[in-house]
Amino acid sequence: MDAVGKNPYLSQFQLRTTGQLYLFSVPMSVTSHLQWCVESFVTLAAPWHWMPQPMIAKSQRTELPFRSNLDNLPQLVSALFEFPNLYAEIIRDPIANGLAERWLIVPKLGLKRLDINEVGDVVIDENQLRSAMQSEGDLATKISWLLAEDWERELEPLRISAANANARMLATGG
């Protein structure tokens, strides 16, 4: 077996993970390119099913479970971040009873990465808190940033519209 280009510290088995991809708003003009991009980094556990995003004109939304090599996820997030006007949330499930990860993408705010526990709460570590306490400025504002509250405010209406549409679809048997 040729080992050129292989990392000698990795076994033949790479660390696999699962998660959920929430694409809350994707411009209709880029959905096919975005699908190709996503599928180049992860294996989807369900087919693509696009629905209109009623909160943003000419946009679509979808949510998909996925499987992936752990090291592919930051690459996926970086690639998604390059798409204009994309609102998204990517959640990596915990590995070996550790923390999960959540990435939030909002066009006017950028990209935010969070550690989350088993019930979905944001976990702020000691170093982050110490840094917030020691630097200039309002502590409440810094903690709000650590909790990604601005990102949450932007994404929540899109989440609610998706949940309402799913409930209507189930109620009508669609």
N, C-alpha and C. Protein backbone atom coordinates (compact mmCIF):
# COMPACT_ATOMS: atom_id res chain seq x y z
N MET A 1 0.84 -1.18 0.00
CA MET A 1 0.00 0.00 0.00
C MET A 1 0.88 1.24 0.00
N ASP A 2 0.59 2.16 -0.88
CA ASP A 2 1.36 3.38 -1.02
C ASP A 2 0.95 4.36 0.08
N ALA A 3 1.92 4.83 0.87
CA ALA A 3 1.63 5.73 1.99
C ALA A 3 1.94 7.18 1.68
N VAL A 4 2.27 7.48 0.44
CA VAL A 4 2.59 8.86 0.08
C VAL A 4 1.35 9.73 0.29
N GLY A 5 1.52 10.83 1.01
CA GLY A 5 0.41 11.74 1.25
C GLY A 5 -0.49 11.34 2.40
N LYS A 6 -0.25 10.22 3.02
CA LYS A 6 -1.08 9.76 4.13
C LYS A 6 -0.50 10.25 5.45
N ASN A 7 -1.36 10.59 6.38
CA ASN A 7 -0.93 10.99 7.71
C ASN A 7 -0.59 9.73 8.49
N PRO A 8 0.67 9.56 8.91
CA PRO A 8 1.06 8.32 9.60
C PRO A 8 0.45 8.20 10.99
N TYR A 9 -0.12 9.28 11.52
CA TYR A 9 -0.68 9.23 12.87
C TYR A 9 -2.16 8.87 12.88
N LEU A 10 -2.76 8.74 11.71
CA LEU A 10 -4.16 8.34 11.63
C LEU A 10 -4.24 6.87 11.25
N SER A 11 -5.15 6.18 11.84
CA SER A 11 -5.38 4.80 11.42
C SER A 11 -6.20 4.83 10.14
N GLN A 12 -6.49 3.67 9.61
CA GLN A 12 -7.32 3.62 8.41
C GLN A 12 -8.76 4.03 8.72
N PHE A 13 -9.09 4.10 9.99
CA PHE A 13 -10.44 4.48 10.39
C PHE A 13 -10.43 5.92 10.88
N GLN A 14 -11.07 6.79 10.16
CA GLN A 14 -11.14 8.18 10.59
C GLN A 14 -12.34 8.34 11.52
N LEU A 15 -12.25 9.33 12.40
CA LEU A 15 -13.31 9.59 13.36
C LEU A 15 -14.54 10.09 12.62
N ARG A 16 -15.65 9.37 12.77
CA ARG A 16 -16.89 9.71 12.09
C ARG A 16 -17.83 10.39 13.07
N THR A 17 -18.68 11.23 12.54
CA THR A 17 -19.66 11.91 13.38
C THR A 17 -20.96 12.07 12.61
N THR A 18 -21.99 12.43 13.33
CA THR A 18 -23.30 12.70 12.73
C THR A 18 -23.73 14.10 13.15
N GLY A 19 -24.75 14.59 12.50
CA GLY A 19 -25.25 15.90 12.86
C GLY A 19 -26.46 16.28 12.04
N GLN A 20 -26.80 17.55 12.14
CA GLN A 20 -27.97 18.08 11.46
C GLN A 20 -27.58 19.38 10.77
N LEU A 21 -28.02 19.51 9.54
CA LEU A 21 -27.77 20.70 8.74
C LEU A 21 -29.10 21.43 8.56
N TYR A 22 -29.18 22.64 9.06
CA TYR A 22 -30.37 23.48 8.90
C TYR A 22 -30.01 24.62 7.96
N LEU A 23 -30.58 24.60 6.78
CA LEU A 23 -30.39 25.69 5.84
C LEU A 23 -31.70 26.49 5.87
N PHE A 24 -31.72 27.54 6.66
CA PHE A 24 -32.95 28.29 6.90
C PHE A 24 -33.34 29.17 5.73
N SER A 25 -32.36 29.67 5.00
CA SER A 25 -32.65 30.51 3.84
C SER A 25 -31.48 30.45 2.87
N VAL A 26 -31.78 29.94 1.68
CA VAL A 26 -30.79 29.83 0.60
C VAL A 26 -31.40 30.48 -0.64
N PRO A 27 -30.72 31.44 -1.26
CA PRO A 27 -31.26 32.01 -2.50
C PRO A 27 -31.51 30.91 -3.53
N MET A 28 -32.67 30.98 -4.17
CA MET A 28 -33.04 29.94 -5.13
C MET A 28 -32.00 29.77 -6.23
N SER A 29 -31.31 30.83 -6.57
CA SER A 29 -30.34 30.78 -7.67
C SER A 29 -29.11 29.92 -7.36
N VAL A 30 -28.87 29.59 -6.10
CA VAL A 30 -27.66 28.83 -5.76
C VAL A 30 -27.95 27.46 -5.13
N THR A 31 -29.21 27.03 -5.08
CA THR A 31 -29.51 25.78 -4.38
C THR A 31 -28.79 24.58 -4.98
N SER A 32 -28.72 24.47 -6.30
CA SER A 32 -28.06 23.30 -6.89
C SER A 32 -26.56 23.31 -6.61
N HIS A 33 -25.94 24.48 -6.67
CA HIS A 33 -24.51 24.57 -6.36
C HIS A 33 -24.26 24.26 -4.89
N LEU A 34 -25.15 24.73 -4.03
CA LEU A 34 -25.01 24.47 -2.60
C LEU A 34 -25.15 22.96 -2.32
N GLN A 35 -26.08 22.30 -2.99
CA GLN A 35 -26.22 20.84 -2.83
C GLN A 35 -24.92 20.13 -3.19
N TRP A 36 -24.35 20.50 -4.31
CA TRP A 36 -23.09 19.88 -4.73
C TRP A 36 -22.01 20.12 -3.68
N CYS A 37 -21.95 21.33 -3.17
CA CYS A 37 -20.96 21.69 -2.15
C CYS A 37 -21.13 20.82 -0.90
N VAL A 38 -22.34 20.75 -0.38
CA VAL A 38 -22.61 19.97 0.83
C VAL A 38 -22.25 18.51 0.62
N GLU A 39 -22.67 17.94 -0.50
CA GLU A 39 -22.43 16.52 -0.76
C GLU A 39 -20.95 16.20 -0.97
N SER A 40 -20.13 17.20 -1.22
CA SER A 40 -18.70 16.94 -1.36
C SER A 40 -18.01 16.81 0.00
N PHE A 41 -18.71 17.18 1.08
CA PHE A 41 -18.12 17.11 2.42
C PHE A 41 -18.79 16.10 3.35
N VAL A 42 -20.09 15.84 3.15
CA VAL A 42 -20.82 14.96 4.07
C VAL A 42 -21.67 13.98 3.29
N THR A 43 -22.07 12.90 3.98
CA THR A 43 -23.02 11.94 3.43
C THR A 43 -24.37 12.26 4.04
N LEU A 44 -25.34 12.52 3.20
CA LEU A 44 -26.66 12.87 3.71
C LEU A 44 -27.44 11.62 4.07
N ALA A 45 -28.19 11.71 5.16
CA ALA A 45 -28.99 10.57 5.63
C ALA A 45 -30.44 10.69 5.18
N ALA A 46 -30.74 11.66 4.34
CA ALA A 46 -32.09 11.86 3.80
C ALA A 46 -31.95 12.59 2.47
N PRO A 47 -32.95 12.49 1.61
CA PRO A 47 -32.88 13.21 0.34
C PRO A 47 -33.14 14.71 0.53
N TRP A 48 -32.68 15.49 -0.43
CA TRP A 48 -32.94 16.92 -0.42
C TRP A 48 -34.44 17.15 -0.59
N HIS A 49 -35.00 18.04 0.20
CA HIS A 49 -36.41 18.42 0.07
C HIS A 49 -36.50 19.92 0.35
N TRP A 50 -36.49 20.70 -0.72
CA TRP A 50 -36.52 22.15 -0.59
C TRP A 50 -37.95 22.63 -0.44
N MET A 51 -38.13 23.63 0.42
CA MET A 51 -39.43 24.28 0.60
C MET A 51 -39.21 25.79 0.57
N PRO A 52 -40.23 26.56 0.19
CA PRO A 52 -40.07 28.02 0.20
C PRO A 52 -39.82 28.54 1.61
N GLN A 53 -39.00 29.56 1.71
CA GLN A 53 -38.80 30.26 2.99
C GLN A 53 -39.66 31.52 2.93
N PRO A 54 -40.81 31.51 3.62
CA PRO A 54 -41.74 32.63 3.50
C PRO A 54 -41.22 33.96 4.04
N MET A 55 -40.21 33.93 4.88
CA MET A 55 -39.69 35.16 5.49
C MET A 55 -38.76 35.95 4.57
N ILE A 56 -38.17 35.27 3.57
CA ILE A 56 -37.21 35.93 2.68
C ILE A 56 -37.57 35.56 1.24
N ALA A 57 -37.86 36.59 0.44
CA ALA A 57 -38.29 36.37 -0.94
C ALA A 57 -37.24 35.61 -1.75
N LYS A 58 -37.72 34.77 -2.65
CA LYS A 58 -36.88 34.02 -3.58
C LYS A 58 -35.82 33.18 -2.87
N SER A 59 -36.21 32.59 -1.75
CA SER A 59 -35.28 31.71 -1.04
C SER A 59 -35.97 30.41 -0.67
N GLN A 60 -35.16 29.41 -0.41
CA GLN A 60 -35.62 28.07 -0.06
C GLN A 60 -35.02 27.68 1.28
N ARG A 61 -35.59 26.65 1.88
CA ARG A 61 -35.05 26.14 3.15
C ARG A 61 -35.14 24.62 3.13
N THR A 62 -34.29 24.01 3.94
CA THR A 62 -34.32 22.56 4.12
C THR A 62 -33.55 22.21 5.38
N GLU A 63 -33.76 21.01 5.87
CA GLU A 63 -32.96 20.50 6.98
C GLU A 63 -32.68 19.03 6.72
N LEU A 64 -31.45 18.64 7.02
CA LEU A 64 -30.99 17.30 6.67
C LEU A 64 -30.06 16.73 7.74
N PRO A 65 -30.26 15.46 8.10
CA PRO A 65 -29.27 14.79 8.92
C PRO A 65 -28.09 14.37 8.04
N PHE A 66 -26.91 14.28 8.65
CA PHE A 66 -25.73 13.90 7.87
C PHE A 66 -24.78 13.03 8.69
N ARG A 67 -23.86 12.38 7.96
CA ARG A 67 -22.72 11.65 8.53
C ARG A 67 -21.48 12.20 7.84
N SER A 68 -20.37 12.22 8.58
CA SER A 68 -19.17 12.80 7.99
C SER A 68 -17.94 12.41 8.79
N ASN A 69 -16.78 12.52 8.15
CA ASN A 69 -15.53 12.50 8.90
C ASN A 69 -15.47 13.80 9.69
N LEU A 70 -14.98 13.70 10.91
CA LEU A 70 -14.93 14.87 11.79
C LEU A 70 -14.17 16.03 11.16
N ASP A 71 -13.07 15.74 10.48
CA ASP A 71 -12.26 16.82 9.92
C ASP A 71 -12.88 17.48 8.69
N ASN A 72 -13.96 16.93 8.15
CA ASN A 72 -14.65 17.56 7.01
C ASN A 72 -15.57 18.70 7.43
N LEU A 73 -16.02 18.70 8.69
CA LEU A 73 -17.03 19.68 9.09
C LEU A 73 -16.54 21.12 9.05
N PRO A 74 -15.35 21.45 9.57
CA PRO A 74 -14.90 22.84 9.42
C PRO A 74 -14.78 23.26 7.96
N GLN A 75 -14.40 22.33 7.09
CA GLN A 75 -14.33 22.65 5.67
C GLN A 75 -15.72 22.93 5.10
N LEU A 76 -16.71 22.13 5.52
CA LEU A 76 -18.09 22.36 5.08
C LEU A 76 -18.57 23.73 5.54
N VAL A 77 -18.35 24.04 6.81
CA VAL A 77 -18.79 25.33 7.35
C VAL A 77 -18.14 26.48 6.60
N SER A 78 -16.85 26.39 6.35
CA SER A 78 -16.14 27.44 5.60
C SER A 78 -16.72 27.59 4.20
N ALA A 79 -17.01 26.48 3.55
CA ALA A 79 -17.58 26.54 2.20
C ALA A 79 -18.98 27.16 2.23
N LEU A 80 -19.80 26.79 3.20
CA LEU A 80 -21.14 27.36 3.30
C LEU A 80 -21.08 28.86 3.58
N PHE A 81 -20.13 29.27 4.39
CA PHE A 81 -19.99 30.68 4.74
C PHE A 81 -19.75 31.56 3.51
N GLU A 82 -19.19 30.98 2.46
CA GLU A 82 -18.91 31.73 1.23
C GLU A 82 -20.16 32.01 0.41
N PHE A 83 -21.26 31.30 0.67
CA PHE A 83 -22.49 31.53 -0.09
C PHE A 83 -23.14 32.84 0.37
N PRO A 84 -23.50 33.71 -0.57
CA PRO A 84 -24.12 34.98 -0.17
C PRO A 84 -25.54 34.76 0.35
N ASN A 85 -25.91 35.56 1.32
CA ASN A 85 -27.28 35.58 1.85
C ASN A 85 -27.76 34.24 2.38
N LEU A 86 -26.86 33.45 2.90
CA LEU A 86 -27.21 32.15 3.48
C LEU A 86 -27.40 32.31 4.99
N TYR A 87 -28.51 31.78 5.48
CA TYR A 87 -28.77 31.68 6.91
C TYR A 87 -28.76 30.19 7.23
N ALA A 88 -27.88 29.77 8.12
CA ALA A 88 -27.73 28.34 8.35
C ALA A 88 -27.28 28.04 9.77
N GLU A 89 -27.50 26.79 10.16
CA GLU A 89 -27.04 26.27 11.44
C GLU A 89 -26.58 24.84 11.19
N ILE A 90 -25.39 24.53 11.63
CA ILE A 90 -24.84 23.18 11.48
C ILE A 90 -24.54 22.67 12.88
N ILE A 91 -25.08 21.51 13.20
CA ILE A 91 -24.89 20.94 14.53
C ILE A 91 -24.18 19.60 14.39
N ARG A 92 -23.05 19.48 15.09
CA ARG A 92 -22.34 18.20 15.16
C ARG A 92 -22.70 17.55 16.47
N ASP A 93 -23.15 16.29 16.39
CA ASP A 93 -23.50 15.55 17.59
C ASP A 93 -22.26 15.30 18.44
N PRO A 94 -22.45 15.12 19.76
CA PRO A 94 -21.29 14.85 20.63
C PRO A 94 -20.62 13.53 20.27
N ILE A 95 -19.32 13.48 20.52
CA ILE A 95 -18.54 12.27 20.30
C ILE A 95 -18.03 11.79 21.65
N ALA A 96 -18.25 10.53 21.96
CA ALA A 96 -17.73 9.89 23.18
C ALA A 96 -18.07 10.71 24.43
N ASN A 97 -19.34 11.07 24.57
CA ASN A 97 -19.83 11.81 25.74
C ASN A 97 -19.20 13.19 25.90
N GLY A 98 -18.63 13.71 24.85
CA GLY A 98 -18.06 15.06 24.90
C GLY A 98 -19.11 16.09 24.52
N LEU A 99 -18.64 17.28 24.22
CA LEU A 99 -19.53 18.36 23.82
C LEU A 99 -19.85 18.26 22.33
N ALA A 100 -21.00 18.77 21.98
CA ALA A 100 -21.37 18.92 20.57
C ALA A 100 -20.88 20.29 20.11
N GLU A 101 -20.98 20.54 18.81
CA GLU A 101 -20.61 21.84 18.26
C GLU A 101 -21.77 22.38 17.45
N ARG A 102 -21.86 23.70 17.42
CA ARG A 102 -22.89 24.35 16.62
C ARG A 102 -22.26 25.55 15.93
N TRP A 103 -22.48 25.64 14.62
CA TRP A 103 -22.02 26.78 13.84
C TRP A 103 -23.24 27.53 13.35
N LEU A 104 -23.24 28.85 13.50
CA LEU A 104 -24.33 29.70 13.05
C LEU A 104 -23.81 30.63 11.96
N ILE A 105 -24.55 30.73 10.86
CA ILE A 105 -24.17 31.61 9.76
C ILE A 105 -25.30 32.59 9.52
N VAL A 106 -24.98 33.87 9.66
CA VAL A 106 -25.93 34.96 9.40
C VAL A 106 -25.18 36.00 8.56
N PRO A 107 -25.72 36.39 7.41
CA PRO A 107 -24.97 37.27 6.51
C PRO A 107 -24.40 38.53 7.15
N LYS A 108 -25.20 39.27 7.89
CA LYS A 108 -24.68 40.54 8.42
C LYS A 108 -23.85 40.39 9.69
N LEU A 109 -23.86 39.21 10.30
CA LEU A 109 -23.09 38.98 11.52
C LEU A 109 -21.87 38.10 11.30
N GLY A 110 -21.92 37.26 10.27
CA GLY A 110 -20.82 36.35 10.01
C GLY A 110 -21.05 34.97 10.59
N LEU A 111 -19.96 34.33 10.93
CA LEU A 111 -19.95 32.94 11.39
C LEU A 111 -19.65 32.90 12.88
N LYS A 112 -20.37 32.06 13.61
CA LYS A 112 -20.14 31.90 15.05
C LYS A 112 -20.12 30.41 15.37
N ARG A 113 -19.10 29.98 16.12
CA ARG A 113 -18.98 28.58 16.54
C ARG A 113 -19.19 28.50 18.04
N LEU A 114 -19.96 27.49 18.46
CA LEU A 114 -20.28 27.31 19.87
C LEU A 114 -20.09 25.85 20.27
N ASP A 115 -19.67 25.64 21.51
CA ASP A 115 -19.74 24.31 22.12
C ASP A 115 -21.11 24.22 22.78
N ILE A 116 -21.75 23.06 22.66
CA ILE A 116 -23.05 22.87 23.31
C ILE A 116 -23.07 21.55 24.05
N ASN A 117 -23.87 21.51 25.12
CA ASN A 117 -23.98 20.28 25.91
C ASN A 117 -25.08 19.38 25.35
N GLU A 118 -25.38 18.30 26.07
CA GLU A 118 -26.32 17.29 25.56
C GLU A 118 -27.75 17.80 25.43
N VAL A 119 -28.10 18.89 26.10
CA VAL A 119 -29.46 19.44 25.97
C VAL A 119 -29.50 20.69 25.09
N GLY A 120 -28.39 21.03 24.48
CA GLY A 120 -28.36 22.14 23.55
C GLY A 120 -27.97 23.49 24.13
N ASP A 121 -27.60 23.52 25.40
CA ASP A 121 -27.17 24.77 26.02
C ASP A 121 -25.74 25.10 25.60
N VAL A 122 -25.47 26.39 25.40
CA VAL A 122 -24.12 26.84 25.07
C VAL A 122 -23.23 26.65 26.29
N VAL A 123 -22.02 26.14 26.06
CA VAL A 123 -21.04 25.94 27.12
C VAL A 123 -19.93 26.97 26.92
N ILE A 124 -19.75 27.82 27.92
CA ILE A 124 -18.69 28.83 27.90
C ILE A 124 -17.60 28.36 28.85
N ASP A 125 -16.38 28.26 28.35
CA ASP A 125 -15.31 27.74 29.22
C ASP A 125 -14.70 28.85 30.08
N GLU A 126 -13.92 28.42 31.05
CA GLU A 126 -13.31 29.32 32.02
C GLU A 126 -12.46 30.41 31.37
N ASN A 127 -11.67 30.04 30.37
CA ASN A 127 -10.81 31.03 29.72
C ASN A 127 -11.62 32.11 29.01
N GLN A 128 -12.73 31.72 28.39
CA GLN A 128 -13.59 32.71 27.74
C GLN A 128 -14.16 33.69 28.77
N LEU A 129 -14.61 33.16 29.90
CA LEU A 129 -15.16 34.03 30.95
C LEU A 129 -14.09 34.95 31.53
N ARG A 130 -12.91 34.40 31.80
CA ARG A 130 -11.83 35.23 32.35
C ARG A 130 -11.46 36.36 31.38
N SER A 131 -11.38 36.03 30.11
CA SER A 131 -11.05 37.04 29.11
C SER A 131 -12.12 38.13 29.07
N ALA A 132 -13.38 37.73 29.13
CA ALA A 132 -14.47 38.71 29.12
C ALA A 132 -14.41 39.60 30.35
N MET A 133 -14.09 39.04 31.50
CA MET A 133 -14.03 39.81 32.74
C MET A 133 -12.85 40.78 32.76
N GLN A 134 -11.74 40.39 32.14
CA GLN A 134 -10.52 41.19 32.22
C GLN A 134 -10.43 42.29 31.16
N SER A 135 -11.20 42.18 30.10
CA SER A 135 -11.10 43.19 29.04
C SER A 135 -12.07 44.35 29.29
N GLU A 136 -11.81 45.44 28.61
CA GLU A 136 -12.63 46.65 28.74
C GLU A 136 -14.04 46.39 28.20
N GLY A 137 -15.01 47.11 28.75
CA GLY A 137 -16.37 47.04 28.22
C GLY A 137 -17.34 46.36 29.17
N ASP A 138 -18.59 46.37 28.74
CA ASP A 138 -19.69 45.84 29.54
C ASP A 138 -19.67 44.31 29.54
N LEU A 139 -19.64 43.72 30.72
CA LEU A 139 -19.59 42.26 30.84
C LEU A 139 -20.82 41.60 30.24
N ALA A 140 -21.99 42.19 30.45
CA ALA A 140 -23.23 41.61 29.90
C ALA A 140 -23.17 41.55 28.37
N THR A 141 -22.62 42.57 27.74
CA THR A 141 -22.48 42.59 26.29
C THR A 141 -21.53 41.49 25.82
N LYS A 142 -20.45 41.30 26.55
CA LYS A 142 -19.47 40.26 26.19
C LYS A 142 -20.07 38.86 26.35
N ILE A 143 -20.82 38.65 27.42
CA ILE A 143 -21.46 37.34 27.61
C ILE A 143 -22.52 37.11 26.55
N SER A 144 -23.25 38.15 26.18
CA SER A 144 -24.22 38.05 25.10
C SER A 144 -23.54 37.59 23.81
N TRP A 145 -22.35 38.14 23.53
CA TRP A 145 -21.61 37.74 22.33
C TRP A 145 -21.16 36.28 22.45
N LEU A 146 -20.68 35.88 23.64
CA LEU A 146 -20.26 34.49 23.84
C LEU A 146 -21.42 33.52 23.65
N LEU A 147 -22.63 33.94 24.00
CA LEU A 147 -23.82 33.10 23.85
C LEU A 147 -24.43 33.20 22.45
N ALA A 148 -23.87 34.05 21.60
CA ALA A 148 -24.35 34.24 20.22
C ALA A 148 -25.79 34.75 20.18
N GLU A 149 -26.14 35.62 21.10
CA GLU A 149 -27.52 36.09 21.17
C GLU A 149 -27.94 36.87 19.92
N ASP A 150 -27.05 37.64 19.31
CA ASP A 150 -27.40 38.35 18.07
C ASP A 150 -27.71 37.37 16.94
N TRP A 151 -26.93 36.31 16.83
CA TRP A 151 -27.17 35.28 15.82
C TRP A 151 -28.51 34.60 16.08
N GLU A 152 -28.78 34.29 17.34
CA GLU A 152 -30.04 33.64 17.69
C GLU A 152 -31.24 34.52 17.33
N ARG A 153 -31.14 35.83 17.59
CA ARG A 153 -32.24 36.75 17.26
C ARG A 153 -32.50 36.77 15.75
N GLU A 154 -31.45 36.69 14.96
CA GLU A 154 -31.62 36.68 13.50
C GLU A 154 -32.21 35.36 12.99
N LEU A 155 -31.79 34.25 13.59
CA LEU A 155 -32.22 32.94 13.09
C LEU A 155 -33.59 32.51 13.62
N GLU A 156 -33.97 32.96 14.79
CA GLU A 156 -35.19 32.45 15.41
C GLU A 156 -36.45 32.64 14.55
N PRO A 157 -36.69 33.79 13.93
CA PRO A 157 -37.89 33.89 13.07
C PRO A 157 -37.86 32.89 11.90
N LEU A 158 -36.68 32.61 11.38
CA LEU A 158 -36.56 31.64 10.29
C LEU A 158 -36.82 30.23 10.79
N ARG A 159 -36.38 29.92 11.99
CA ARG A 159 -36.67 28.61 12.60
C ARG A 159 -38.17 28.45 12.82
N ILE A 160 -38.80 29.49 13.35
CA ILE A 160 -40.24 29.42 13.64
C ILE A 160 -41.04 29.25 12.36
N SER A 161 -40.69 29.98 11.31
CA SER A 161 -41.43 29.84 10.06
C SER A 161 -41.28 28.43 9.49
N ALA A 162 -40.10 27.83 9.65
CA ALA A 162 -39.90 26.46 9.18
C ALA A 162 -40.73 25.49 10.01
N ALA A 163 -40.75 25.67 11.33
CA ALA A 163 -41.54 24.79 12.20
C ALA A 163 -43.02 24.92 11.90
N ASN A 164 -43.50 26.14 11.68
CA ASN A 164 -44.92 26.35 11.36
C ASN A 164 -45.28 25.70 10.04
N ALA A 165 -44.42 25.82 9.04
CA ALA A 165 -44.68 25.20 7.74
C ALA A 165 -44.69 23.69 7.86
N ASN A 166 -43.79 23.12 8.66
CA ASN A 166 -43.78 21.67 8.86
C ASN A 166 -45.06 21.21 9.55
N ALA A 167 -45.53 21.98 10.54
CA ALA A 167 -46.76 21.62 11.25
C ALA A 167 -47.95 21.68 10.30
N ARG A 168 -48.02 22.71 9.44
CA ARG A 168 -49.11 22.80 8.46
C ARG A 168 -49.07 21.62 7.50
N MET A 169 -47.87 21.25 7.06
CA MET A 169 -47.73 20.14 6.12
C MET A 169 -48.22 18.84 6.76
N LEU A 170 -47.86 18.61 8.02
CA LEU A 170 -48.31 17.40 8.72
C LEU A 170 -49.82 17.42 8.92
N ALA A 171 -50.37 18.58 9.24
CA ALA A 171 -51.81 18.69 9.49
C ALA A 171 -52.63 18.44 8.23
N THR A 172 -52.08 18.80 7.08
CA THR A 172 -52.81 18.60 5.82
C THR A 172 -52.47 17.27 5.15
N GLY A 173 -51.60 16.50 5.78
CA GLY A 173 -51.23 15.20 5.23
C GLY A 173 -50.27 15.30 4.06
N GLY A 174 -49.55 16.42 3.94
CA GLY A 174 -48.64 16.65 2.81
C GLY A 174 -47.30 16.07 2.98
